């Protein structure tokens, strides 16, 4: 198995057998440094590196305290176990500086996430028409969306509740991705009466036309470092002349998403407004999106 010319080895089995296999690979490759990603792999890597007496490091992508939401026992036990193992790392990498404040390690280096994607091949109108046809929606429909696994840490119920707060606006929420929370989120749309305006798209092989059709991309996760989906959405905002044509936002509460939708409704027919960036906390009190508001920022490209 390989990806991009790089050989890959899939580790199977339970906890102990995974550590054994990882230790075997270290011996086979004569590795002197092990670099892991993700809380589960970090724990396994810590054990394997100690057994083989080599240095170990990891890249932290999110708040370790939120990595196991949805399982009461795991939520209580695994973050503590993960943080305990991180103390044994030779050093840690983070994708944004604030994560370093949460980690029990003295040597921490920031390495921001980055992507390089081609400029959108079509216009937003073409992408939007494509998805309106796929979903059987009228030309007046506008799209808010997110690409994420359906997991409690992604906080996707916030988006669904926000859609319910605007019954008079023809905004449709498109969720690309799948996961264990899908049934619960679908049940929530039924309870709120918004099943016809929330579309679960499942796993998509290509996200270009998905991002290209959106008027606003919102990521309501409880914990993120430098999320790739926001970077992808930001790149998708670019047109061939390198200007921006719709909105991207990070929101954490229903109130913040409501504000984002209000701005979207207010500005989506005004091409001078190109990019909306929300930098606000849960105690947000403002109701405007003026460019000099202290609670949120409206960036005009």
Protein backbone atom coordinates (compact mmCIF):
# COMPACT_ATOMS: atom_id res chain seq x y z
CA UNK A 1 0.00 0.00 0.00
CA UNK A 2 1.29 3.46 -0.86
CA UNK A 3 0.13 7.05 -1.20
CA UNK A 4 1.92 9.56 -3.42
CA UNK A 5 4.82 7.15 -3.80
CA UNK A 6 5.23 6.77 -0.03
CA UNK A 7 4.80 3.21 1.30
CA UNK A 8 2.10 2.79 3.95
CA UNK A 9 1.58 0.03 6.50
CA UNK A 10 -1.84 -0.50 8.03
CA UNK A 11 -1.63 -1.54 11.68
CA UNK A 12 -4.43 -3.87 12.70
CA UNK A 13 -5.57 -5.49 15.92
CA UNK A 14 -6.16 -4.35 19.48
CA UNK A 15 -4.18 -2.07 21.74
CA UNK A 16 -1.37 -4.46 22.65
CA UNK A 17 -0.98 -5.93 19.16
CA UNK A 18 -0.87 -2.41 17.67
CA UNK A 19 2.01 -1.49 20.00
CA UNK A 20 3.80 -4.73 19.09
CA UNK A 21 3.41 -4.05 15.37
CA UNK A 22 4.55 -0.45 15.73
CA UNK A 23 7.64 -1.58 17.68
CA UNK A 24 8.38 -4.15 14.97
CA UNK A 25 8.21 -1.45 12.29
CA UNK A 26 10.61 0.73 14.29
CA UNK A 27 13.12 -2.13 14.44
CA UNK A 28 12.62 -2.98 10.77
CA UNK A 29 13.17 0.60 9.60
CA UNK A 30 15.92 1.25 12.15
CA UNK A 31 14.07 4.40 13.08
CA UNK A 32 15.56 6.75 15.65
CA UNK A 33 12.60 9.16 15.86
CA UNK A 34 8.87 8.45 15.91
CA UNK A 35 6.40 11.21 14.97
CA UNK A 36 2.70 10.60 15.58
CA UNK A 37 -0.60 12.42 14.94
CA UNK A 38 -3.88 11.99 16.81
CA UNK A 39 -4.59 11.16 20.47
CA UNK A 40 -4.94 7.40 20.07
CA UNK A 41 -1.81 7.08 17.97
CA UNK A 42 0.08 9.34 20.38
CA UNK A 43 -0.60 6.93 23.23
CA UNK A 44 0.43 3.91 21.14
CA UNK A 45 3.55 5.72 19.89
CA UNK A 46 4.58 6.63 23.42
CA UNK A 47 4.53 2.98 24.50
CA UNK A 48 6.30 1.75 21.34
CA UNK A 49 9.01 4.44 21.49
CA UNK A 50 9.72 3.66 25.14
CA UNK A 51 9.99 -0.05 24.38
CA UNK A 52 12.46 0.58 21.56
CA UNK A 53 14.26 3.34 23.48
CA UNK A 54 13.96 5.98 20.75
CA UNK A 55 12.82 9.61 20.78
CA UNK A 56 9.18 10.38 20.16
CA UNK A 57 7.33 13.54 19.16
CA UNK A 58 3.80 14.39 18.05
CA UNK A 59 1.79 17.09 16.31
CA UNK A 60 -1.21 18.32 18.30
CA UNK A 61 -4.14 19.43 16.15
CA UNK A 62 -6.78 20.19 18.78
CA UNK A 63 -7.48 20.62 22.49
CA UNK A 64 -6.71 17.22 24.10
CA UNK A 65 -9.56 17.70 26.58
CA UNK A 66 -12.14 17.52 23.76
CA UNK A 67 -10.77 14.60 21.77
CA UNK A 68 -13.07 11.88 23.17
CA UNK A 69 -16.47 13.55 23.50
CA UNK A 70 -19.55 11.35 23.30
CA UNK A 71 -18.21 8.44 25.38
CA UNK A 72 -18.55 9.15 29.16
CA UNK A 73 -15.79 6.73 30.22
CA UNK A 74 -13.40 7.73 27.43
CA UNK A 75 -14.14 11.41 28.01
CA UNK A 76 -13.10 11.01 31.64
CA UNK A 77 -10.13 8.67 31.21
CA UNK A 78 -8.47 9.10 27.81
CA UNK A 79 -7.66 12.86 27.90
CA UNK A 80 -5.81 12.32 31.21
CA UNK A 81 -3.96 9.31 29.78
CA UNK A 82 -3.12 11.24 26.62
CA UNK A 83 -1.76 14.26 28.52
CA UNK A 84 0.27 11.98 30.79
CA UNK A 85 1.93 10.38 27.77
CA UNK A 86 2.61 13.77 26.16
CA UNK A 87 4.86 14.55 29.14
CA UNK A 88 7.20 11.85 27.85
CA UNK A 89 7.60 13.37 24.39
CA UNK A 90 10.96 14.83 23.37
CA UNK A 91 9.05 17.85 22.12
CA UNK A 92 5.71 18.68 20.53
CA UNK A 93 4.49 20.52 17.45
CA UNK A 94 1.27 22.55 17.40
CA UNK A 95 -0.69 23.99 14.49
CA UNK A 96 -1.52 27.16 16.41
CA UNK A 97 0.22 28.81 19.39
CA UNK A 98 -2.68 28.68 21.87
CA UNK A 99 -2.57 24.88 21.90
CA UNK A 100 0.88 25.05 23.46
CA UNK A 101 -0.62 26.51 26.65
CA UNK A 102 -2.56 23.28 27.17
CA UNK A 103 0.34 20.87 26.86
CA UNK A 104 2.62 19.43 29.58
CA UNK A 105 5.80 19.79 27.55
CA UNK A 106 8.52 22.46 27.67
CA UNK A 107 9.67 22.18 24.05
CA UNK A 108 6.84 23.26 21.73
CA UNK A 109 7.15 24.49 18.15
CA UNK A 110 4.40 25.93 15.96
CA UNK A 111 4.03 24.55 12.44
CA UNK A 112 0.86 26.03 10.87
CA UNK A 113 -1.25 23.92 8.57
CA UNK A 114 -1.05 24.91 4.92
CA UNK A 115 -2.59 23.79 1.64
CA UNK A 116 -2.11 24.60 -2.02
CA UNK A 117 -5.18 24.20 -4.20
CA UNK A 118 -5.96 25.34 -7.74
CA UNK A 119 -8.24 28.32 -8.33
CA UNK A 120 -11.89 27.33 -8.83
CA UNK A 121 -12.54 26.22 -12.40
CA UNK A 122 -16.11 27.55 -12.50
CA UNK A 123 -18.00 30.52 -11.17
CA UNK A 124 -20.01 30.39 -7.97
CA UNK A 125 -23.21 30.73 -10.02
CA UNK A 126 -22.32 27.58 -11.97
CA UNK A 127 -21.48 25.61 -8.82
CA UNK A 128 -24.62 26.84 -7.08
CA UNK A 129 -26.82 25.89 -10.06
CA UNK A 130 -25.22 22.45 -10.05
CA UNK A 131 -26.09 21.83 -6.39
CA UNK A 132 -29.54 23.39 -6.69
CA UNK A 133 -30.25 20.84 -9.44
CA UNK A 134 -28.75 17.95 -7.41
CA UNK A 135 -30.91 18.77 -4.40
CA UNK A 136 -34.02 19.82 -6.32
CA UNK A 137 -33.99 23.38 -5.02
CA UNK A 138 -35.19 26.64 -6.62
CA UNK A 139 -32.78 29.28 -8.00
CA UNK A 140 -33.41 31.44 -4.94
CA UNK A 141 -31.79 28.90 -2.58
CA UNK A 142 -28.55 29.90 -0.89
CA UNK A 143 -26.08 27.52 0.74
CA UNK A 144 -24.40 27.41 4.12
CA UNK A 145 -22.18 24.40 4.63
CA UNK A 146 -19.43 22.57 6.41
CA UNK A 147 -17.16 19.62 5.70
CA UNK A 148 -16.51 17.56 8.82
CA UNK A 149 -16.84 14.14 10.37
CA UNK A 150 -20.12 13.78 12.23
CA UNK A 151 -18.69 13.70 15.75
CA UNK A 152 -19.72 15.45 18.99
CA UNK A 153 -16.59 17.63 18.97
CA UNK A 154 -17.69 19.18 15.66
CA UNK A 155 -20.77 20.67 17.37
CA UNK A 156 -22.90 20.36 14.23
CA UNK A 157 -26.15 20.57 16.19
CA UNK A 158 -25.37 24.30 16.50
CA UNK A 159 -25.68 24.71 12.73
CA UNK A 160 -28.95 22.80 12.58
CA UNK A 161 -30.46 24.83 15.43
CA UNK A 162 -29.38 28.03 13.67
CA UNK A 163 -31.19 27.07 10.48
CA UNK A 164 -34.35 26.58 12.53
CA UNK A 165 -34.04 30.16 13.84
CA UNK A 166 -34.49 31.55 10.30
CA UNK A 167 -37.62 29.93 8.83
CA UNK A 168 -38.20 32.91 6.52
CA UNK A 169 -34.76 32.75 4.86
CA UNK A 170 -34.21 30.37 1.95
CA UNK A 171 -30.88 29.12 3.33
CA UNK A 172 -30.02 25.44 3.08
CA UNK A 173 -27.40 23.75 5.24
CA UNK A 174 -25.21 21.22 3.43
CA UNK A 175 -23.07 18.88 5.54
CA UNK A 176 -20.34 16.96 3.76
CA UNK A 177 -19.01 14.01 5.72
CA UNK A 178 -20.19 11.05 7.73
CA UNK A 179 -19.82 9.61 11.21
CA UNK A 180 -21.45 8.10 14.26
CA UNK A 181 -23.56 11.19 15.02
CA UNK A 182 -25.46 11.12 11.74
CA UNK A 183 -28.58 9.40 13.07
CA UNK A 184 -28.78 11.78 16.05
CA UNK A 185 -28.34 14.85 13.83
CA UNK A 186 -30.97 13.63 11.39
CA UNK A 187 -33.34 13.10 14.31
CA UNK A 188 -32.64 16.67 15.43
CA UNK A 189 -33.62 18.03 12.01
CA UNK A 190 -36.91 16.14 12.28
CA UNK A 191 -37.63 17.52 15.75
CA UNK A 192 -36.90 21.08 14.62
CA UNK A 193 -38.85 20.72 11.39
CA UNK A 194 -35.93 21.60 9.11
CA UNK A 195 -35.31 18.26 7.40
CA UNK A 196 -36.10 19.83 4.02
CA UNK A 197 -33.43 22.53 4.57
CA UNK A 198 -30.61 20.38 5.99
CA UNK A 199 -28.87 18.08 3.55
CA UNK A 200 -26.54 15.27 4.66
CA UNK A 201 -24.29 14.65 1.67
CA UNK A 202 -22.14 11.88 3.13
CA UNK A 203 -18.53 11.38 2.08
CA UNK A 204 -17.58 13.31 -1.06
CA UNK A 205 -14.62 12.29 -3.21
CA UNK A 206 -14.10 15.88 -4.38
CA UNK A 207 -15.03 19.01 -2.48
CA UNK A 208 -14.33 21.61 -5.17
CA UNK A 209 -17.91 21.99 -6.38
CA UNK A 210 -19.22 21.71 -2.79
CA UNK A 211 -17.10 24.61 -1.50
CA UNK A 212 -17.63 26.50 -4.74
CA UNK A 213 -21.41 26.56 -4.28
CA UNK A 214 -21.38 27.87 -0.71
CA UNK A 215 -22.31 31.41 0.27
CA UNK A 216 -20.86 30.81 3.71
CA UNK A 217 -18.76 28.05 5.23
CA UNK A 218 -19.13 27.64 8.99
CA UNK A 219 -17.13 25.37 11.31
CA UNK A 220 -18.70 25.23 14.81
CA UNK A 221 -16.23 22.77 16.38
CA UNK A 222 -15.65 22.89 20.12
CA UNK A 223 -11.97 22.34 19.48
CA UNK A 224 -9.84 23.04 16.42
CA UNK A 225 -6.25 23.92 15.79
CA UNK A 226 -5.89 25.22 12.24
CA UNK A 227 -8.69 23.31 10.49
CA UNK A 228 -7.99 22.16 6.96
CA UNK A 229 -11.65 22.56 5.98
CA UNK A 230 -11.52 26.30 6.68
CA UNK A 231 -8.32 26.61 4.61
CA UNK A 232 -9.96 24.65 1.80
CA UNK A 233 -13.07 26.81 1.94
CA UNK A 234 -10.97 29.96 1.96
CA UNK A 235 -9.12 28.79 -1.15
CA UNK A 236 -12.43 27.97 -2.81
CA UNK A 237 -13.54 31.57 -2.28
CA UNK A 238 -11.00 32.71 -4.81
CA UNK A 239 -12.06 33.45 -8.35
CA UNK A 240 -9.77 33.46 -11.36
CA UNK A 241 -8.84 37.12 -10.74
CA UNK A 242 -7.78 36.27 -7.14
CA UNK A 243 -10.63 38.18 -5.51
CA UNK A 244 -13.03 36.69 -2.96
CA UNK A 245 -16.69 36.11 -3.51
CA UNK A 246 -18.37 34.77 -0.41
CA UNK A 247 -18.09 34.25 3.33
CA UNK A 248 -16.19 31.97 5.68
CA UNK A 249 -16.61 31.92 9.44
CA UNK A 250 -15.78 30.01 12.59
CA UNK A 251 -18.65 30.05 15.08
CA UNK A 252 -19.18 28.25 18.37
CA UNK A 253 -22.74 29.11 19.43
CA UNK A 254 -26.19 29.34 17.85
CA UNK A 255 -26.08 33.09 18.44
CA UNK A 256 -22.86 33.49 16.47
CA UNK A 257 -24.18 31.46 13.54
CA UNK A 258 -27.36 33.56 13.61
CA UNK A 259 -25.23 36.69 13.33
CA UNK A 260 -23.36 35.12 10.45
CA UNK A 261 -26.63 34.31 8.69
CA UNK A 262 -27.89 37.84 9.25
CA UNK A 263 -24.78 39.20 7.61
CA UNK A 264 -25.16 36.70 4.81
CA UNK A 265 -28.77 37.75 4.20
CA UNK A 266 -27.79 41.42 4.35
CA UNK A 267 -24.78 41.26 2.04
CA UNK A 268 -25.02 38.33 -0.36
CA UNK A 269 -26.27 40.56 -3.18
CA UNK A 270 -23.56 43.16 -2.60
CA UNK A 271 -20.38 42.03 -4.41
CA UNK A 272 -18.22 44.55 -2.54
CA UNK A 273 -18.40 42.35 0.55
CA UNK A 274 -16.06 39.48 -0.12
CA UNK A 275 -14.93 37.80 3.06
CA UNK A 276 -16.46 37.62 6.51
CA UNK A 277 -14.25 36.64 9.37
CA UNK A 278 -15.75 36.25 12.82
CA UNK A 279 -13.37 36.64 15.74
CA UNK A 280 -15.74 36.53 18.63
CA UNK A 281 -16.23 34.70 21.91
CA UNK A 282 -19.30 33.10 23.45
CA UNK A 283 -20.07 36.33 25.32
CA UNK A 284 -20.63 38.20 22.07
CA UNK A 285 -23.06 41.07 22.55
CA UNK A 286 -22.99 43.04 19.32
CA UNK A 287 -25.75 42.72 16.74
CA UNK A 288 -23.95 44.41 13.85
CA UNK A 289 -21.26 43.55 11.37
CA UNK A 290 -19.69 46.96 11.02
CA UNK A 291 -16.06 46.90 9.96
CA UNK A 292 -14.86 48.53 13.19
CA UNK A 293 -16.98 46.47 15.60
CA UNK A 294 -14.86 45.26 18.52
CA UNK A 295 -16.57 41.87 18.67
CA UNK A 296 -16.43 40.80 15.04
CA UNK A 297 -14.57 41.77 11.94
CA UNK A 298 -15.93 42.36 8.47
CA UNK A 299 -13.03 42.30 6.05
CA UNK A 300 -13.56 43.98 2.71
CA UNK A 301 -11.22 42.65 0.03
